[in-house]
C-alpha atoms as a PDB file:
ATOM      1  CA  MET A   1       0.000   0.000   0.000  1.00  0.00           C
ATOM      2  CA  SER A   2       1.406   3.373  -0.983  1.00  0.00           C
ATOM      3  CA  ILE A   3       0.741   6.753   0.596  1.00  0.00           C
ATOM      4  CA  ASP A   4       0.229   9.894  -1.453  1.00  0.00           C
ATOM      5  CA  PHE A   5      -0.216  13.422  -0.180  1.00  0.00           C
ATOM      6  CA  GLN A   6      -1.948  16.123  -2.174  1.00  0.00           C
ATOM      7  CA  GLN A   7      -2.517  19.745  -1.304  1.00  0.00           C
ATOM      8  CA  ILE A   8      -5.975  21.084  -2.105  1.00  0.00           C
ATOM      9  CA  HIS A   9      -6.323  24.856  -2.268  1.00  0.00           C
ATOM     10  CA  ILE A  10      -9.589  26.339  -1.051  1.00  0.00           C
ATOM     11  CA  ASP A  11     -10.221  30.047  -1.487  1.00  0.00           C
ATOM     12  CA  PHE A  12     -12.096  31.493   1.499  1.00  0.00           C
ATOM     13  CA  HIS A  13     -14.047  34.286  -0.121  1.00  0.00           C
ATOM     14  CA  THR A  14     -15.839  36.822   2.075  1.00  0.00           C
ATOM     15  CA  PHE A  15     -17.923  35.171   4.759  1.00  0.00           C
ATOM     16  CA  ASN A  16     -19.691  36.149   7.977  1.00  0.00           C
ATOM     17  CA  THR A  17     -18.788  39.827   7.754  1.00  0.00           C
ATOM     18  CA  ARG A  18     -21.380  40.932  10.348  1.00  0.00           C
ATOM     19  CA  GLY A  19     -20.070  38.769  13.199  1.00  0.00           C
ATOM     20  CA  GLN A  20     -23.097  36.470  13.081  1.00  0.00           C
ATOM     21  CA  ASN A  21     -22.741  32.799  13.930  1.00  0.00           C
ATOM     22  CA  ILE A  22     -23.373  31.470  10.397  1.00  0.00           C
ATOM     23  CA  GLU A  23     -21.862  28.248   9.061  1.00  0.00           C
ATOM     24  CA  THR A  24     -20.347  28.462   5.574  1.00  0.00           C
ATOM     25  CA  ARG A  25     -19.028  25.452   3.622  1.00  0.00           C
ATOM     26  CA  PHE A  26     -16.231  25.456   1.054  1.00  0.00           C
ATOM     27  CA  PHE A  27     -15.181  22.566  -1.180  1.00  0.00           C
ATOM     28  CA  GLY A  28     -11.986  21.535  -2.961  1.00  0.00           C
ATOM     29  CA  GLU A  29     -11.399  18.423  -5.061  1.00  0.00           C
ATOM     30  CA  HIS A  30      -8.478  16.312  -6.269  1.00  0.00           C
ATOM     31  CA  THR A  31      -8.392  13.151  -8.400  1.00  0.00           C
ATOM     32  CA  PHE A  32      -5.503  10.697  -7.920  1.00  0.00           C
ATOM     33  CA  HIS A  33      -6.482   8.621 -11.045  1.00  0.00           C
ATOM     34  CA  ARG A  34      -6.099   5.326  -9.202  1.00  0.00           C
ATOM     35  CA  ARG A  35      -8.076   3.346  -6.655  1.00  0.00           C
ATOM     36  CA  ILE A  36      -8.005   4.677  -3.108  1.00  0.00           C
ATOM     37  CA  ARG A  37      -9.202   3.115   0.128  1.00  0.00           C
ATOM     38  CA  LYS A  38      -8.886   5.925   2.638  1.00  0.00           C
ATOM     39  CA  ALA A  39      -8.631   9.706   2.622  1.00  0.00           C
ATOM     40  CA  VAL A  40      -7.920  11.889   5.655  1.00  0.00           C
ATOM     41  CA  ALA A  41      -7.594  15.665   6.013  1.00  0.00           C
ATOM     42  CA  ALA A  42      -4.179  16.549   7.480  1.00  0.00           C
ATOM     43  CA  ILE A  43      -5.704  19.328   9.598  1.00  0.00           C
ATOM     44  CA  SER A  44      -9.134  18.410  10.887  1.00  0.00           C
ATOM     45  CA  ALA A  45      -9.954  21.594  12.822  1.00  0.00           C
ATOM     46  CA  PHE A  46      -8.686  24.789  14.377  1.00  0.00           C
ATOM     47  CA  GLU A  47     -10.200  27.777  16.158  1.00  0.00           C
ATOM     48  CA  LEU A  48      -9.137  31.422  16.246  1.00  0.00           C
ATOM     49  CA  PHE A  49     -10.071  33.747  19.114  1.00  0.00           C
ATOM     50  CA  PHE A  50     -10.010  37.539  18.907  1.00  0.00           C
ATOM     51  CA  THR A  51      -9.771  39.345  22.233  1.00  0.00           C
ATOM     52  CA  GLN A  52      -9.302  42.922  21.065  1.00  0.00           C
ATOM     53  CA  SER A  53     -12.340  45.143  20.635  1.00  0.00           C
ATOM     54  CA  ASP A  54     -11.304  46.181  17.099  1.00  0.00           C
ATOM     55  CA  HIS A  55     -12.646  42.868  15.688  1.00  0.00           C
ATOM     56  CA  ASN A  56     -16.345  42.509  14.933  1.00  0.00           C
ATOM     57  CA  ILE A  57     -16.188  38.751  15.573  1.00  0.00           C
ATOM     58  CA  LYS A  58     -15.016  36.878  18.658  1.00  0.00           C
ATOM     59  CA  ASN A  59     -13.912  33.576  17.160  1.00  0.00           C
ATOM     60  CA  ILE A  60     -13.698  31.541  13.948  1.00  0.00           C
ATOM     61  CA  LEU A  61     -13.991  27.755  13.980  1.00  0.00           C
ATOM     62  CA  VAL A  62     -12.721  25.825  10.939  1.00  0.00           C
ATOM     63  CA  GLY A  63     -13.237  22.091  10.438  1.00  0.00           C
ATOM     64  CA  ALA A  64     -12.062  19.995   7.464  1.00  0.00           C
ATOM     65  CA  GLU A  65     -13.073  16.541   6.306  1.00  0.00           C
ATOM     66  CA  ALA A  66     -11.923  14.419   3.341  1.00  0.00           C
ATOM     67  CA  LEU A  67     -14.742  12.608   1.529  1.00  0.00           C
ATOM     68  CA  ILE A  68     -14.142   9.896  -1.073  1.00  0.00           C
ATOM     69  CA  ASP A  69     -16.417  10.622  -4.049  1.00  0.00           C
ATOM     70  CA  ASP A  70     -15.136   7.941  -6.432  1.00  0.00           C
ATOM     71  CA  ALA A  71     -12.896   5.257  -4.891  1.00  0.00           C
ATOM     72  CA  ASN A  72     -11.972   3.605  -8.208  1.00  0.00           C
ATOM     73  CA  ASN A  73     -10.820   6.848  -9.875  1.00  0.00           C
ATOM     74  CA  GLY A  74      -9.497   8.275  -6.609  1.00  0.00           C
ATOM     75  CA  THR A  75     -11.593  11.445  -6.449  1.00  0.00           C
ATOM     76  CA  VAL A  76     -11.513  13.087  -3.017  1.00  0.00           C
ATOM     77  CA  THR A  77     -13.415  16.209  -1.968  1.00  0.00           C
ATOM     78  CA  ASP A  78     -12.358  18.334   0.975  1.00  0.00           C
ATOM     79  CA  GLN A  79     -15.326  19.840   2.798  1.00  0.00           C
ATOM     80  CA  THR A  80     -14.322  22.761   4.999  1.00  0.00           C
ATOM     81  CA  GLU A  81     -16.797  24.368   7.390  1.00  0.00           C
ATOM     82  CA  VAL A  82     -16.260  27.869   8.735  1.00  0.00           C
ATOM     83  CA  ARG A  83     -18.255  29.310  11.654  1.00  0.00           C
END
């Protein structure tokens, strides 16, 4: 069994600009062009806290998950949630 790493770039366009607690999802995809059995996101989650009053939001929570769309062709989608 071989291991292959692939970087998927996801552009976080403007989201949650009013400081509301709204969940936004972003997606990125990569195809390895061979059968895959397992896909895992290297970073599954992180949270940022803002303590200064010059920020209109208090925290941002980001979670990532790798989903296998087509195991035979090796298509993996990264689903990233931002709150």
